[in-house]
């Protein structure tokens, strides 16, 4: 019996999960090499990957960068509290800022005393300060709390 999980409208079996794990770790692995690891043919792996891409399970591929070499060595996490607004009317400016600011790598809507958690990368404390100034200028942002990372122990790849 195959283990399946319903993630979208399609069924994901244990072979799909193995393929996804391989792609997550080594996104440039050839379909032939993946096929050898999951006991399928290359065309079968290709068909499964294409199906998962079409269904939105695989949303894209990316390069893992060494950010210190490209002038983005300062990692900061910014907790953002926004003023309560009816039915998300005031959040559009904040969300537009997040999407337009290349220094903001990740943004999560969170529960608790904060509204959002941002992961940012800048080249210096001065660049972080400029980012915070722009963020705090948004009308609905009422408070920010910034934590600067001293070292990265583990980061998702």
C-alpha atoms as a PDB file:
ATOM      1  CA  UNK A   1       0.000   0.000   0.000  1.00  0.00           C
ATOM      2  CA  UNK A   2       1.371   3.437  -0.975  1.00  0.00           C
ATOM      3  CA  UNK A   3       1.516   6.250   1.524  1.00  0.00           C
ATOM      4  CA  UNK A   4      -0.206   9.301   0.105  1.00  0.00           C
ATOM      5  CA  UNK A   5      -0.794  12.826   1.291  1.00  0.00           C
ATOM      6  CA  UNK A   6      -3.253  15.191  -0.284  1.00  0.00           C
ATOM      7  CA  UNK A   7      -1.499  18.540  -0.632  1.00  0.00           C
ATOM      8  CA  UNK A   8      -3.507  19.929  -3.532  1.00  0.00           C
ATOM      9  CA  UNK A   9      -6.164  18.316  -5.664  1.00  0.00           C
ATOM     10  CA  UNK A  10      -3.610  15.681  -6.713  1.00  0.00           C
ATOM     11  CA  UNK A  11      -2.341  12.776  -4.670  1.00  0.00           C
ATOM     12  CA  UNK A  12       1.300  12.764  -3.615  1.00  0.00           C
ATOM     13  CA  UNK A  13       2.798   9.334  -2.998  1.00  0.00           C
ATOM     14  CA  UNK A  14       6.025   8.318  -1.254  1.00  0.00           C
ATOM     15  CA  UNK A  15       7.948   8.364  -4.560  1.00  0.00           C
ATOM     16  CA  UNK A  16       6.840  11.950  -5.218  1.00  0.00           C
ATOM     17  CA  UNK A  17       7.983  12.879  -1.703  1.00  0.00           C
ATOM     18  CA  UNK A  18      11.404  11.303  -2.373  1.00  0.00           C
ATOM     19  CA  UNK A  19      11.692  13.226  -5.650  1.00  0.00           C
ATOM     20  CA  UNK A  20      10.760  16.470  -3.885  1.00  0.00           C
ATOM     21  CA  UNK A  21      13.335  15.821  -1.164  1.00  0.00           C
ATOM     22  CA  UNK A  22      16.075  15.241  -3.755  1.00  0.00           C
ATOM     23  CA  UNK A  23      15.118  18.404  -5.656  1.00  0.00           C
ATOM     24  CA  UNK A  24      15.019  20.403  -2.412  1.00  0.00           C
ATOM     25  CA  UNK A  25      18.580  19.309  -1.582  1.00  0.00           C
ATOM     26  CA  UNK A  26      20.025  19.258  -5.094  1.00  0.00           C
ATOM     27  CA  UNK A  27      17.823  21.228  -7.472  1.00  0.00           C
ATOM     28  CA  UNK A  28      20.144  20.694 -10.443  1.00  0.00           C
ATOM     29  CA  UNK A  29      20.149  16.905 -10.177  1.00  0.00           C
ATOM     30  CA  UNK A  30      19.379  15.287 -13.526  1.00  0.00           C
ATOM     31  CA  UNK A  31      16.167  13.341 -13.971  1.00  0.00           C
ATOM     32  CA  UNK A  32      18.283  10.274 -14.779  1.00  0.00           C
ATOM     33  CA  UNK A  33      20.159  10.573 -11.471  1.00  0.00           C
ATOM     34  CA  UNK A  34      16.897  11.073  -9.568  1.00  0.00           C
ATOM     35  CA  UNK A  35      15.380   8.082 -11.371  1.00  0.00           C
ATOM     36  CA  UNK A  36      18.221   5.855 -10.152  1.00  0.00           C
ATOM     37  CA  UNK A  37      17.536   6.926  -6.566  1.00  0.00           C
ATOM     38  CA  UNK A  38      13.784   6.286  -6.709  1.00  0.00           C
ATOM     39  CA  UNK A  39      13.739   3.190  -8.956  1.00  0.00           C
ATOM     40  CA  UNK A  40      11.996   4.825 -11.928  1.00  0.00           C
ATOM     41  CA  UNK A  41      13.000   5.786 -15.452  1.00  0.00           C
ATOM     42  CA  UNK A  42      14.127   9.300 -16.329  1.00  0.00           C
ATOM     43  CA  UNK A  43      10.975  10.001 -18.384  1.00  0.00           C
ATOM     44  CA  UNK A  44       8.796   8.823 -15.457  1.00  0.00           C
ATOM     45  CA  UNK A  45      10.562  11.223 -13.097  1.00  0.00           C
ATOM     46  CA  UNK A  46      10.221  14.028 -15.652  1.00  0.00           C
ATOM     47  CA  UNK A  47       6.477  13.354 -15.937  1.00  0.00           C
ATOM     48  CA  UNK A  48       6.050  13.419 -12.159  1.00  0.00           C
ATOM     49  CA  UNK A  49       8.067  16.638 -11.809  1.00  0.00           C
ATOM     50  CA  UNK A  50       6.110  18.344 -14.622  1.00  0.00           C
ATOM     51  CA  UNK A  51       2.820  17.285 -12.983  1.00  0.00           C
ATOM     52  CA  UNK A  52       3.950  18.711  -9.631  1.00  0.00           C
ATOM     53  CA  UNK A  53       5.045  21.940 -11.352  1.00  0.00           C
ATOM     54  CA  UNK A  54       1.676  22.272 -13.120  1.00  0.00           C
ATOM     55  CA  UNK A  55      -0.206  21.651  -9.876  1.00  0.00           C
ATOM     56  CA  UNK A  56       1.837  24.301  -8.061  1.00  0.00           C
ATOM     57  CA  UNK A  57       3.564  21.922  -5.660  1.00  0.00           C
ATOM     58  CA  UNK A  58       6.912  22.868  -7.176  1.00  0.00           C
ATOM     59  CA  UNK A  59       6.694  26.649  -7.442  1.00  0.00           C
ATOM     60  CA  UNK A  60      10.143  27.342  -8.860  1.00  0.00           C
ATOM     61  CA  UNK A  61      13.863  26.776  -8.678  1.00  0.00           C
ATOM     62  CA  UNK A  62      16.485  29.028  -7.173  1.00  0.00           C
ATOM     63  CA  UNK A  63      20.203  29.397  -6.561  1.00  0.00           C
ATOM     64  CA  UNK A  64      21.560  29.344  -3.012  1.00  0.00           C
ATOM     65  CA  UNK A  65      23.864  32.335  -2.643  1.00  0.00           C
ATOM     66  CA  UNK A  66      26.674  33.247  -0.291  1.00  0.00           C
ATOM     67  CA  UNK A  67      25.251  36.629   0.665  1.00  0.00           C
ATOM     68  CA  UNK A  68      28.480  37.971   2.136  1.00  0.00           C
ATOM     69  CA  UNK A  69      30.066  37.860  -1.333  1.00  0.00           C
ATOM     70  CA  UNK A  70      27.319  40.018  -2.819  1.00  0.00           C
ATOM     71  CA  UNK A  71      27.186  42.674  -0.118  1.00  0.00           C
ATOM     72  CA  UNK A  72      24.206  41.340   1.847  1.00  0.00           C
ATOM     73  CA  UNK A  73      25.928  39.920   4.910  1.00  0.00           C
ATOM     74  CA  UNK A  74      23.761  41.557   7.592  1.00  0.00           C
ATOM     75  CA  UNK A  75      20.710  39.454   8.489  1.00  0.00           C
ATOM     76  CA  UNK A  76      17.986  41.037  10.591  1.00  0.00           C
ATOM     77  CA  UNK A  77      14.570  39.902  11.710  1.00  0.00           C
ATOM     78  CA  UNK A  78      12.017  42.666  12.077  1.00  0.00           C
ATOM     79  CA  UNK A  79       8.837  42.209  14.079  1.00  0.00           C
ATOM     80  CA  UNK A  80       6.196  44.593  12.733  1.00  0.00           C
ATOM     81  CA  UNK A  81       3.017  45.657  14.483  1.00  0.00           C
ATOM     82  CA  UNK A  82       0.378  47.365  12.391  1.00  0.00           C
ATOM     83  CA  UNK A  83      -2.606  49.367  13.531  1.00  0.00           C
ATOM     84  CA  UNK A  84      -5.913  47.553  13.346  1.00  0.00           C
ATOM     85  CA  UNK A  85      -7.712  48.384  10.128  1.00  0.00           C
ATOM     86  CA  UNK A  86     -11.063  47.099   8.925  1.00  0.00           C
ATOM     87  CA  UNK A  87     -10.879  44.167   6.532  1.00  0.00           C
ATOM     88  CA  UNK A  88      -7.209  44.564   5.576  1.00  0.00           C
ATOM     89  CA  UNK A  89      -7.763  48.020   4.030  1.00  0.00           C
ATOM     90  CA  UNK A  90      -4.553  49.498   5.432  1.00  0.00           C
ATOM     91  CA  UNK A  91      -2.346  46.496   4.794  1.00  0.00           C
ATOM     92  CA  UNK A  92      -2.026  47.076   1.056  1.00  0.00           C
ATOM     93  CA  UNK A  93       0.678  49.742   1.496  1.00  0.00           C
ATOM     94  CA  UNK A  94       2.645  47.501   3.856  1.00  0.00           C
ATOM     95  CA  UNK A  95       2.365  44.475   1.577  1.00  0.00           C
ATOM     96  CA  UNK A  96       3.282  46.558  -1.484  1.00  0.00           C
ATOM     97  CA  UNK A  97       6.384  47.776   0.372  1.00  0.00           C
ATOM     98  CA  UNK A  98       7.358  44.209   1.300  1.00  0.00           C
ATOM     99  CA  UNK A  99       7.016  43.041  -2.308  1.00  0.00           C
ATOM    100  CA  UNK A 100       9.002  45.994  -3.662  1.00  0.00           C
ATOM    101  CA  UNK A 101      11.885  45.983  -1.146  1.00  0.00           C
ATOM    102  CA  UNK A 102      14.611  43.588  -2.335  1.00  0.00           C
ATOM    103  CA  UNK A 103      16.116  43.553   1.161  1.00  0.00           C
ATOM    104  CA  UNK A 104      13.008  41.781   2.486  1.00  0.00           C
ATOM    105  CA  UNK A 105      13.584  38.094   1.799  1.00  0.00           C
ATOM    106  CA  UNK A 106      10.624  36.669   3.679  1.00  0.00           C
ATOM    107  CA  UNK A 107       7.465  38.044   5.274  1.00  0.00           C
ATOM    108  CA  UNK A 108       5.088  36.123   7.492  1.00  0.00           C
ATOM    109  CA  UNK A 109       1.732  37.222   8.855  1.00  0.00           C
ATOM    110  CA  UNK A 110       1.858  36.066  12.481  1.00  0.00           C
ATOM    111  CA  UNK A 111      -0.418  35.720  15.473  1.00  0.00           C
ATOM    112  CA  UNK A 112       0.422  37.215  18.843  1.00  0.00           C
ATOM    113  CA  UNK A 113       1.467  40.731  19.762  1.00  0.00           C
ATOM    114  CA  UNK A 114       3.037  41.346  16.327  1.00  0.00           C
ATOM    115  CA  UNK A 115       1.369  41.429  12.929  1.00  0.00           C
ATOM    116  CA  UNK A 116       4.298  40.383  10.717  1.00  0.00           C
ATOM    117  CA  UNK A 117       7.785  38.922  10.906  1.00  0.00           C
ATOM    118  CA  UNK A 118      10.296  39.936   8.232  1.00  0.00           C
ATOM    119  CA  UNK A 119      13.633  38.363   7.381  1.00  0.00           C
ATOM    120  CA  UNK A 120      15.909  40.923   5.778  1.00  0.00           C
ATOM    121  CA  UNK A 121      19.419  41.107   4.331  1.00  0.00           C
ATOM    122  CA  UNK A 122      21.376  44.308   3.938  1.00  0.00           C
ATOM    123  CA  UNK A 123      25.016  45.207   3.448  1.00  0.00           C
ATOM    124  CA  UNK A 124      25.446  47.331   6.562  1.00  0.00           C
ATOM    125  CA  UNK A 125      23.728  48.722   9.649  1.00  0.00           C
ATOM    126  CA  UNK A 126      23.281  51.980   7.730  1.00  0.00           C
ATOM    127  CA  UNK A 127      21.358  50.191   4.967  1.00  0.00           C
ATOM    128  CA  UNK A 128      19.248  48.443   7.632  1.00  0.00           C
ATOM    129  CA  UNK A 129      18.508  51.815   9.214  1.00  0.00           C
ATOM    130  CA  UNK A 130      17.358  53.188   5.842  1.00  0.00           C
ATOM    131  CA  UNK A 131      15.099  50.165   5.359  1.00  0.00           C
ATOM    132  CA  UNK A 132      13.612  50.667   8.838  1.00  0.00           C
ATOM    133  CA  UNK A 133      13.027  54.360   8.135  1.00  0.00           C
ATOM    134  CA  UNK A 134      11.077  53.503   4.974  1.00  0.00           C
ATOM    135  CA  UNK A 135       9.156  50.768   6.794  1.00  0.00           C
ATOM    136  CA  UNK A 136       8.220  53.020   9.725  1.00  0.00           C
ATOM    137  CA  UNK A 137       6.964  55.689   7.305  1.00  0.00           C
ATOM    138  CA  UNK A 138       4.080  53.426   6.287  1.00  0.00           C
ATOM    139  CA  UNK A 139       0.937  54.839   7.895  1.00  0.00           C
ATOM    140  CA  UNK A 140      -0.319  51.546   9.342  1.00  0.00           C
ATOM    141  CA  UNK A 141       3.021  50.488  10.887  1.00  0.00           C
ATOM    142  CA  UNK A 142       2.819  51.352  14.569  1.00  0.00           C
ATOM    143  CA  UNK A 143       5.905  49.546  15.918  1.00  0.00           C
ATOM    144  CA  UNK A 144       8.976  47.598  14.837  1.00  0.00           C
ATOM    145  CA  UNK A 145      11.415  45.516  16.869  1.00  0.00           C
ATOM    146  CA  UNK A 146      14.637  44.467  15.149  1.00  0.00           C
ATOM    147  CA  UNK A 147      16.934  41.574  15.997  1.00  0.00           C
ATOM    148  CA  UNK A 148      20.284  41.362  14.216  1.00  0.00           C
ATOM    149  CA  UNK A 149      21.690  37.890  13.595  1.00  0.00           C
ATOM    150  CA  UNK A 150      25.311  37.450  14.672  1.00  0.00           C
ATOM    151  CA  UNK A 151      25.823  34.127  12.888  1.00  0.00           C
ATOM    152  CA  UNK A 152      23.777  31.652  10.845  1.00  0.00           C
ATOM    153  CA  UNK A 153      23.738  28.196  12.434  1.00  0.00           C
ATOM    154  CA  UNK A 154      21.252  26.671   9.974  1.00  0.00           C
ATOM    155  CA  UNK A 155      19.418  28.232   7.082  1.00  0.00           C
ATOM    156  CA  UNK A 156      16.891  26.617   4.764  1.00  0.00           C
ATOM    157  CA  UNK A 157      18.397  25.722   1.425  1.00  0.00           C
END
